[in-house]
Amino acid sequence: MRYHIIAEHEDFVAIDKPSGMLSIPDRTQSEPSLKDKLMERYGKILTVHRIDRDTSGLILFARTEAMHQYLCGLFENRGIRKFYSGVVLGMPAKAEGLIDAPIMEDPAHAGRMMVHRNGKPAQTGYTVLETHPQYSLMQFELFSGRTHQIRVHMKHIGHPLAVDPLYGDGKPILLSSIKKKYHLSKSEEAERPMIGRLALHAFELNFTLPNGKDVRLEAPIPKEFKALMQQLRKISGN
């Protein structure tokens, strides 16, 4: 599984992580994580934040103690703006909004989170970029950093992320499910999903370095997200 270097600095490195790769080692050390791979390449690598295994996109690692302390401080004090793109089920009622709903661990399901009044404060801003009856493309901005925050919040408002096995139906998006006259080509034994993984991608980080320089990092929106929207536009005639 390959990763892409978005920015390489003497004090930090920014990576476009593929879906399915661990950001940092898990408790069992069962498989190499992105951090492990970066340590092989750079030597010293320090964890600043993480993104879910099934989420793709931007993640920052520090290369020095000073930058590690600085970046961690930015994350803790909302000094870094974090933007995600995602495909959700259905058509959200509002074109933009703020989901302000506390999140806590789900006591009935290990590894899952839930919205609950006793949870920790969590805020997610959203904008609907393109909408269709089956799926919509959205942009999110995180104003807090709770586990599975976007996934939990989108389930909370009735539009879970596509291909989410924890908070949605987990079903892959197939062209045959949106196109009436779909026929499998003779060279294919089975249909390949248009999107077969969690449809969430961390695409932008904005922050300021200690020297006052503004940094804007971007990991391109996955081509499969764009391809799905293109197909939906064709089907709707737009």
Foldseek 3Di string as FASTA:
>chain_A
DDKAWQDDDPWKTKIFFAAQAFQCQDPVSPDDHPQNVVCVVQPAWAAQDGDDNRATEIGMITRDPVVSVVSNVCQVVVQKKWKKKFKWFADQPDQWDKQWFFKDCDPVDPPDMETDPPHHTWMKIKGFPAHDGGMTMMMIITPHDDVCRVQRRCLVRPIGTPLDVRRDVNDAAFPVVVDPPDDDDPVDPDGDGLGNTGGMYTFWMWHADPVGDIDITGDDRDPSVVVVVVSRCVSVVD
